[in-house]
Amino acid sequence: MEVKNSIYTLNRILIVFFTVINGAFLAAISYSTQEEIVYILSIIDGIVNLALMFMYLFLNERFKKDFDIFMGLFKQFNDGSKLWNIPKSTVFIENSEIASVFKRAYIGKNILQKDIADLRAFFKKFIPKDIYNELGFKWYERLVLGDSKKKYLTVMFIDIVGFTSISETIDPVKSLMLLNIYFDGIGEIIYSHGGYIDKFLWDGIMIIFDHVHSDNALRCSIEIQDYIKKFQITTIGKKIGIWIGMNTGEVIMGTIGTKQRMDATIIGDTVNVASRLEWLTRKYKQSILMSKNTYDAIQNKSAFTANFVGNEAPEGKQNTIDIYSLAEHYNVTL
């Protein structure tokens, strides 16, 4: 076991030694009549006093050096600086206690920071990155019901046609597992094109693309259609379809819900039209439909085959919108 010294105790011992030795010296010279003896005792007393003073200065300087190191580390700790060299031990009990408290605080802070980082990463899985950034959320306690911001973007709705009938024939757990495999594959495609999943709607997905042009959204929809063809053969063994509807325009991005349960999402006519277009894929027998707004927002129209298929009035609206279908291929090498 490592034995540590107390600077407080050592100082008291030195003071006691100093007092006793000088007291003995005064007593000795008061009874001595020989000058030679007094002279010798004076020299001895002086040497001893110098030794005691040297020991006092040395010990206290050593204590102060360790103490200053830990105070400097505390300052870095409070400033949020990363600490590289933390002393493992000290010879004094008082500094050892400071070191112990500091190390516990340092370890606790690191654990807390890791927990916060993990919680942030976990939190972002439930809040779309685009919304998270646009509303300027710094942390979950900053979320306030009703926070909002207008944004111009492309909204995409995806739905699996035929999955309900498939899910009725398999175990619910397997159905959930199948959906997660499907979502994971589609999610990789979505994020690779700069899109963000806003929410899952059972076997459907609502996606947002924060771009002035809609090219990324179109590329994403084509690759998703290609993915589902491989997915249905290798994983399900049955034929299913993916219907996609897209619209581009202004939305309200923000928080919605109650004080007890809220969600970060987007709302507005742009969202409603995109959802309506996804449903209209059945009527027009087209796997990918988009609005004229999305068509007009295409930056490189030569890369896609888009055809006008008709016009419809979105539910609850009187004005019709022009609808275009998108072929499931590229016209140029991208």
Protein backbone atom coordinates (compact mmCIF):
# COMPACT_ATOMS: atom_id res chain seq x y z
CA MET A 1 0.00 0.00 0.00
CA GLU A 2 1.31 3.43 -0.95
CA VAL A 3 1.97 5.63 2.10
CA LYS A 4 1.21 9.30 1.54
CA ASN A 5 2.21 12.25 3.72
CA SER A 6 0.10 15.14 4.91
CA ILE A 7 1.63 18.55 4.30
CA TYR A 8 -0.37 19.84 7.27
CA THR A 9 1.12 17.20 9.58
CA LEU A 10 4.64 17.66 8.24
CA ASN A 11 4.47 21.43 8.81
CA ARG A 12 3.32 20.88 12.39
CA ILE A 13 6.19 18.45 12.98
CA LEU A 14 8.71 20.95 11.61
CA ILE A 15 7.29 23.71 13.81
CA VAL A 16 7.48 21.43 16.87
CA PHE A 17 11.08 20.50 16.02
CA PHE A 18 11.98 24.17 15.55
CA THR A 19 10.37 25.14 18.85
CA VAL A 20 11.92 22.28 20.84
CA ILE A 21 15.43 22.69 19.42
CA ASN A 22 15.49 26.46 19.91
CA GLY A 23 13.96 26.09 23.35
CA ALA A 24 16.66 23.60 24.28
CA PHE A 25 19.32 25.92 22.88
CA LEU A 26 18.08 28.86 24.96
CA ALA A 27 17.96 26.67 28.08
CA ALA A 28 21.47 25.36 27.46
CA ILE A 29 23.09 28.77 26.96
CA SER A 30 21.29 30.20 29.96
CA TYR A 31 22.96 27.63 32.25
CA SER A 32 26.28 27.45 30.49
CA THR A 33 29.20 29.57 31.72
CA GLN A 34 31.68 28.47 29.08
CA GLU A 35 31.85 30.58 25.95
CA GLU A 36 33.18 27.72 23.85
CA ILE A 37 30.15 25.54 24.59
CA VAL A 38 27.77 28.43 23.83
CA TYR A 39 29.59 29.00 20.56
CA ILE A 40 29.35 25.32 19.55
CA LEU A 41 25.66 25.14 20.52
CA SER A 42 24.97 28.29 18.46
CA ILE A 43 26.56 26.72 15.40
CA ILE A 44 24.60 23.48 15.87
CA ASP A 45 21.36 25.41 16.40
CA GLY A 46 21.97 27.46 13.27
CA ILE A 47 22.66 24.35 11.18
CA VAL A 48 19.56 22.60 12.49
CA ASN A 49 17.42 25.69 11.86
CA LEU A 50 18.74 25.96 8.29
CA ALA A 51 17.98 22.26 7.76
CA LEU A 52 14.47 22.68 9.12
CA MET A 53 13.92 25.75 6.96
CA PHE A 54 15.22 23.89 3.87
CA MET A 55 12.92 20.95 4.59
CA TYR A 56 9.99 23.32 5.08
CA LEU A 57 10.63 25.14 1.80
CA PHE A 58 11.30 21.91 -0.12
CA LEU A 59 8.18 20.11 1.11
CA ASN A 60 5.88 23.08 0.66
CA GLU A 61 7.30 23.85 -2.78
CA ARG A 62 6.68 20.23 -3.78
CA PHE A 63 3.15 20.43 -2.41
CA LYS A 64 2.50 23.72 -4.24
CA LYS A 65 3.86 22.29 -7.51
CA ASP A 66 1.41 19.37 -7.42
CA PHE A 67 -1.38 21.67 -6.27
CA ASP A 68 -0.75 24.11 -9.16
CA ILE A 69 -0.79 21.23 -11.65
CA PHE A 70 -4.23 20.13 -10.49
CA MET A 71 -5.54 23.69 -10.41
CA GLY A 72 -4.33 24.15 -13.99
CA LEU A 73 -6.08 20.91 -14.98
CA PHE A 74 -9.25 22.11 -13.29
CA LYS A 75 -9.11 25.31 -15.34
CA GLN A 76 -8.72 23.30 -18.57
CA PHE A 77 -11.50 21.01 -17.40
CA ASN A 78 -13.86 23.95 -16.82
CA ASP A 79 -12.88 25.52 -20.16
CA GLY A 80 -13.79 22.29 -21.94
CA SER A 81 -10.24 21.63 -23.16
CA LYS A 82 -9.11 18.09 -23.76
CA LEU A 83 -6.71 16.87 -21.07
CA TRP A 84 -3.73 14.77 -22.10
CA ASN A 85 -1.46 14.45 -19.04
CA ILE A 86 -3.23 13.76 -15.77
CA PRO A 87 -0.78 12.95 -12.90
CA LYS A 88 -1.34 9.41 -11.64
CA SER A 89 -0.16 10.08 -8.07
CA THR A 90 1.17 12.62 -5.61
CA VAL A 91 3.10 12.21 -2.31
CA PHE A 92 0.71 14.40 -0.30
CA ILE A 93 -2.66 13.32 1.05
CA GLU A 94 -4.27 16.72 0.44
CA ASN A 95 -3.28 16.75 -3.25
CA SER A 96 -4.18 13.07 -3.54
CA GLU A 97 -7.70 13.88 -2.38
CA ILE A 98 -7.89 16.72 -4.91
CA ALA A 99 -6.64 14.34 -7.62
CA SER A 100 -9.23 11.73 -6.66
CA VAL A 101 -12.09 14.24 -6.82
CA PHE A 102 -10.79 15.62 -10.09
CA LYS A 103 -10.40 12.22 -11.73
CA ARG A 104 -13.91 11.21 -10.71
CA ALA A 105 -15.26 14.48 -12.11
CA TYR A 106 -13.22 14.07 -15.29
CA ILE A 107 -14.37 10.49 -15.84
CA GLY A 108 -17.95 11.43 -14.99
CA LYS A 109 -17.88 14.31 -17.46
CA ASN A 110 -16.50 12.07 -20.22
CA ILE A 111 -19.17 9.48 -19.55
CA LEU A 112 -21.83 12.20 -19.54
CA GLN A 113 -20.52 13.66 -22.81
CA LYS A 114 -20.59 10.22 -24.41
CA ASP A 115 -24.11 9.65 -23.11
CA ILE A 116 -25.18 13.03 -24.51
CA ALA A 117 -23.52 12.26 -27.87
CA ASP A 118 -25.26 8.88 -27.97
CA LEU A 119 -28.56 10.50 -27.05
CA ARG A 120 -28.10 13.17 -29.75
CA ALA A 121 -27.42 10.47 -32.34
CA PHE A 122 -30.44 8.53 -31.12
CA PHE A 123 -32.57 11.68 -31.08
CA LYS A 124 -31.65 12.53 -34.68
CA LYS A 125 -32.98 9.16 -35.79
CA PHE A 126 -36.44 10.38 -34.82
CA ILE A 127 -36.14 13.93 -36.15
CA PRO A 128 -35.37 14.36 -39.88
CA LYS A 129 -31.93 15.92 -40.28
CA ASP A 130 -33.26 18.60 -42.61
CA ILE A 131 -35.88 19.72 -40.11
CA TYR A 132 -33.39 19.42 -37.25
CA ASN A 133 -30.96 21.77 -39.02
CA GLU A 134 -33.49 24.24 -40.43
CA LEU A 135 -35.24 24.89 -37.13
CA GLY A 136 -31.88 25.20 -35.39
CA PHE A 137 -32.52 22.57 -32.71
CA LYS A 138 -29.46 22.51 -30.47
CA TRP A 139 -30.84 19.90 -28.12
CA TYR A 140 -34.11 18.23 -27.23
CA GLU A 141 -35.03 20.76 -24.51
CA ARG A 142 -35.07 23.45 -27.21
CA LEU A 143 -37.95 21.73 -28.99
CA VAL A 144 -41.02 23.93 -28.65
CA LEU A 145 -44.45 23.03 -29.95
CA GLY A 146 -45.26 25.29 -32.88
CA ASP A 147 -41.70 26.11 -33.99
CA SER A 148 -41.90 26.52 -37.76
CA LYS A 149 -40.18 27.76 -40.89
CA LYS A 150 -41.19 28.03 -44.55
CA LYS A 151 -39.13 25.96 -46.95
CA TYR A 152 -39.17 25.18 -50.68
CA LEU A 153 -38.45 21.51 -51.34
CA THR A 154 -39.57 18.30 -53.05
CA VAL A 155 -41.82 15.87 -51.19
CA MET A 156 -42.03 12.20 -52.13
CA PHE A 157 -44.49 9.55 -50.99
CA ILE A 158 -43.73 5.85 -51.47
CA ASP A 159 -46.10 2.95 -50.90
CA ILE A 160 -45.83 -0.81 -51.37
CA VAL A 161 -48.74 -2.21 -53.30
CA GLY A 162 -49.48 -5.78 -52.34
CA PHE A 163 -47.64 -5.84 -49.03
CA THR A 164 -50.86 -6.05 -47.00
CA SER A 165 -51.85 -9.32 -48.66
CA ILE A 166 -48.33 -10.66 -48.13
CA SER A 167 -48.31 -9.66 -44.45
CA GLU A 168 -51.58 -11.55 -43.92
CA THR A 169 -49.90 -14.80 -44.95
CA ILE A 170 -46.83 -14.54 -42.69
CA ASP A 171 -46.13 -14.14 -39.00
CA PRO A 172 -46.41 -10.50 -37.74
CA VAL A 173 -42.83 -10.63 -36.45
CA LYS A 174 -41.58 -11.79 -39.86
CA SER A 175 -43.69 -9.08 -41.48
CA LEU A 176 -42.01 -6.44 -39.33
CA MET A 177 -38.58 -7.88 -40.04
CA LEU A 178 -39.34 -7.88 -43.77
CA LEU A 179 -40.38 -4.24 -43.65
CA ASN A 180 -37.20 -3.27 -41.81
CA ILE A 181 -35.05 -5.02 -44.42
CA TYR A 182 -36.99 -3.20 -47.14
CA PHE A 183 -36.76 0.17 -45.39
CA ASP A 184 -33.04 -0.27 -44.74
CA GLY A 185 -32.35 -0.86 -48.44
CA ILE A 186 -34.50 2.03 -49.57
CA GLY A 187 -33.09 4.27 -46.86
CA GLU A 188 -29.56 3.84 -48.21
CA ILE A 189 -30.76 4.97 -51.65
CA ILE A 190 -32.66 7.93 -50.22
CA TYR A 191 -29.76 9.25 -48.17
CA SER A 192 -27.28 8.71 -51.00
CA HIS A 193 -29.33 11.20 -53.05
CA GLY A 194 -29.54 13.80 -50.30
CA GLY A 195 -33.06 12.92 -49.20
CA TYR A 196 -34.35 12.55 -45.63
CA ILE A 197 -37.05 10.24 -44.36
CA ASP A 198 -39.67 12.36 -42.61
CA LYS A 199 -41.81 9.50 -41.35
CA PHE A 200 -42.84 5.90 -41.89
CA LEU A 201 -46.48 5.21 -42.75
CA TRP A 202 -46.76 1.44 -42.10
CA ASP A 203 -45.46 0.16 -45.44
CA GLY A 204 -45.14 3.66 -46.88
CA ILE A 205 -42.57 6.43 -46.48
CA MET A 206 -42.71 10.22 -46.64
CA ILE A 207 -39.43 11.73 -47.89
CA ILE A 208 -38.13 15.26 -48.35
CA PHE A 209 -35.43 16.58 -50.69
CA ASP A 210 -34.00 19.97 -49.80
CA HIS A 211 -32.81 21.05 -53.24
CA VAL A 212 -33.76 23.85 -55.62
CA HIS A 213 -33.86 21.29 -58.44
CA SER A 214 -35.70 17.96 -58.34
CA ASP A 215 -33.10 15.83 -60.17
CA ASN A 216 -31.96 14.04 -57.01
CA ALA A 217 -35.52 13.05 -56.15
CA LEU A 218 -36.06 11.65 -59.65
CA ARG A 219 -32.82 9.69 -59.61
CA CYS A 220 -33.77 8.36 -56.20
CA SER A 221 -37.20 7.18 -57.40
CA ILE A 222 -35.67 5.36 -60.38
CA GLU A 223 -33.12 3.56 -58.21
CA ILE A 224 -35.82 2.60 -55.70
CA GLN A 225 -37.85 0.98 -58.48
CA ASP A 226 -34.77 -0.94 -59.57
CA TYR A 227 -34.10 -2.00 -55.97
CA ILE A 228 -37.63 -3.28 -55.36
CA LYS A 229 -37.40 -5.57 -58.40
CA LYS A 230 -34.38 -7.29 -56.87
CA PHE A 231 -35.91 -7.22 -53.41
CA GLN A 232 -39.16 -8.92 -54.37
CA ILE A 233 -37.35 -11.77 -56.11
CA THR A 234 -34.58 -12.45 -53.58
CA THR A 235 -36.43 -11.71 -50.33
CA ILE A 236 -40.19 -12.08 -50.81
CA GLY A 237 -40.49 -14.38 -53.78
CA LYS A 238 -43.71 -12.64 -54.78
CA LYS A 239 -44.44 -9.74 -57.06
CA ILE A 240 -45.06 -6.41 -55.38
CA GLY A 241 -45.07 -2.87 -56.70
CA ILE A 242 -43.76 0.45 -55.48
CA TRP A 243 -45.84 3.51 -56.25
CA ILE A 244 -44.20 6.92 -55.98
CA GLY A 245 -45.72 10.41 -56.04
CA MET A 246 -43.72 13.64 -56.01
CA ASN A 247 -44.47 17.33 -55.72
CA THR A 248 -42.27 20.40 -55.35
CA GLY A 249 -43.22 23.61 -53.59
CA GLU A 250 -43.38 25.57 -50.37
CA VAL A 251 -44.08 23.74 -47.11
CA ILE A 252 -44.26 24.61 -43.44
CA MET A 253 -41.50 22.82 -41.59
CA GLY A 254 -41.92 22.56 -37.84
CA THR A 255 -43.28 20.83 -34.77
CA ILE A 256 -46.84 19.58 -34.46
CA GLY A 257 -48.78 17.65 -31.83
CA THR A 258 -49.39 18.16 -28.13
CA LYS A 259 -47.27 19.20 -25.15
CA GLN A 260 -46.99 15.54 -24.18
CA ARG A 261 -46.29 14.16 -27.66
CA MET A 262 -44.98 16.14 -30.60
CA ASP A 263 -43.44 15.42 -33.95
CA ALA A 264 -41.17 17.37 -36.30
CA THR A 265 -42.55 17.25 -39.81
CA ILE A 266 -43.70 19.26 -42.83
CA ILE A 267 -47.25 20.25 -43.73
CA GLY A 268 -48.99 22.19 -46.50
CA ASP A 269 -50.62 21.82 -49.92
CA THR A 270 -47.34 20.63 -51.40
CA VAL A 271 -47.42 17.62 -49.07
CA ASN A 272 -51.08 16.90 -49.78
CA VAL A 273 -50.56 16.98 -53.55
CA ALA A 274 -47.56 14.63 -53.31
CA SER A 275 -49.66 12.17 -51.30
CA ARG A 276 -52.50 12.47 -53.81
CA LEU A 277 -50.13 11.80 -56.72
CA GLU A 278 -48.96 8.60 -55.03
CA TRP A 279 -52.57 7.39 -54.93
CA LEU A 280 -53.15 8.39 -58.55
CA THR A 281 -50.41 6.00 -59.73
CA ARG A 282 -53.04 3.24 -59.65
CA LYS A 283 -55.43 5.21 -61.79
CA TYR A 284 -52.83 6.09 -64.42
CA LYS A 285 -51.05 2.72 -64.07
CA GLN A 286 -47.71 4.48 -63.70
CA SER A 287 -45.18 3.61 -61.01
CA ILE A 288 -43.82 7.17 -60.70
CA LEU A 289 -45.90 10.35 -60.97
CA MET A 290 -44.88 13.95 -60.42
CA SER A 291 -46.46 17.36 -60.56
CA LYS A 292 -45.65 20.05 -63.10
CA ASN A 293 -43.80 21.89 -60.32
CA THR A 294 -41.47 18.92 -59.94
CA TYR A 295 -41.12 18.58 -63.71
CA ASP A 296 -40.27 22.28 -64.07
CA ALA A 297 -37.67 21.95 -61.29
CA ILE A 298 -35.68 19.32 -63.23
CA GLN A 299 -32.26 20.77 -63.95
CA ASN A 300 -31.17 18.19 -66.52
CA LYS A 301 -34.33 17.19 -68.38
CA SER A 302 -32.38 15.24 -71.01
CA ALA A 303 -31.44 12.69 -68.36
CA PHE A 304 -35.05 11.59 -67.82
CA THR A 305 -38.07 10.50 -69.80
CA ALA A 306 -41.11 12.35 -68.47
CA ASN A 307 -44.50 12.30 -70.20
CA PHE A 308 -47.63 14.32 -69.59
CA VAL A 309 -50.43 11.93 -68.55
CA GLY A 310 -53.28 14.22 -67.50
CA ASN A 311 -54.47 16.70 -64.95
CA GLU A 312 -56.35 16.32 -61.71
CA ALA A 313 -57.80 18.52 -59.01
CA PRO A 314 -56.32 17.49 -55.63
CA GLU A 315 -58.91 16.49 -53.07
CA GLY A 316 -60.55 19.59 -51.63
CA LYS A 317 -59.17 21.85 -54.37
CA GLN A 318 -60.84 23.30 -57.47
CA ASN A 319 -57.76 24.06 -59.56
CA THR A 320 -56.26 21.16 -61.46
CA ILE A 321 -52.57 20.29 -61.67
CA ASP A 322 -50.68 18.83 -64.62
CA ILE A 323 -49.32 15.34 -63.96
CA TYR A 324 -46.26 13.72 -65.50
CA SER A 325 -45.06 10.13 -65.40
CA LEU A 326 -41.39 9.23 -65.08
CA ALA A 327 -39.84 6.27 -66.90
CA GLU A 328 -37.75 3.92 -64.75
CA HIS A 329 -34.48 4.56 -66.56
CA TYR A 330 -31.89 7.22 -67.34
CA ASN A 331 -31.32 8.58 -70.84
CA VAL A 332 -27.70 9.51 -70.24
CA THR A 333 -24.83 8.23 -68.17
CA LEU A 334 -24.93 10.15 -64.90
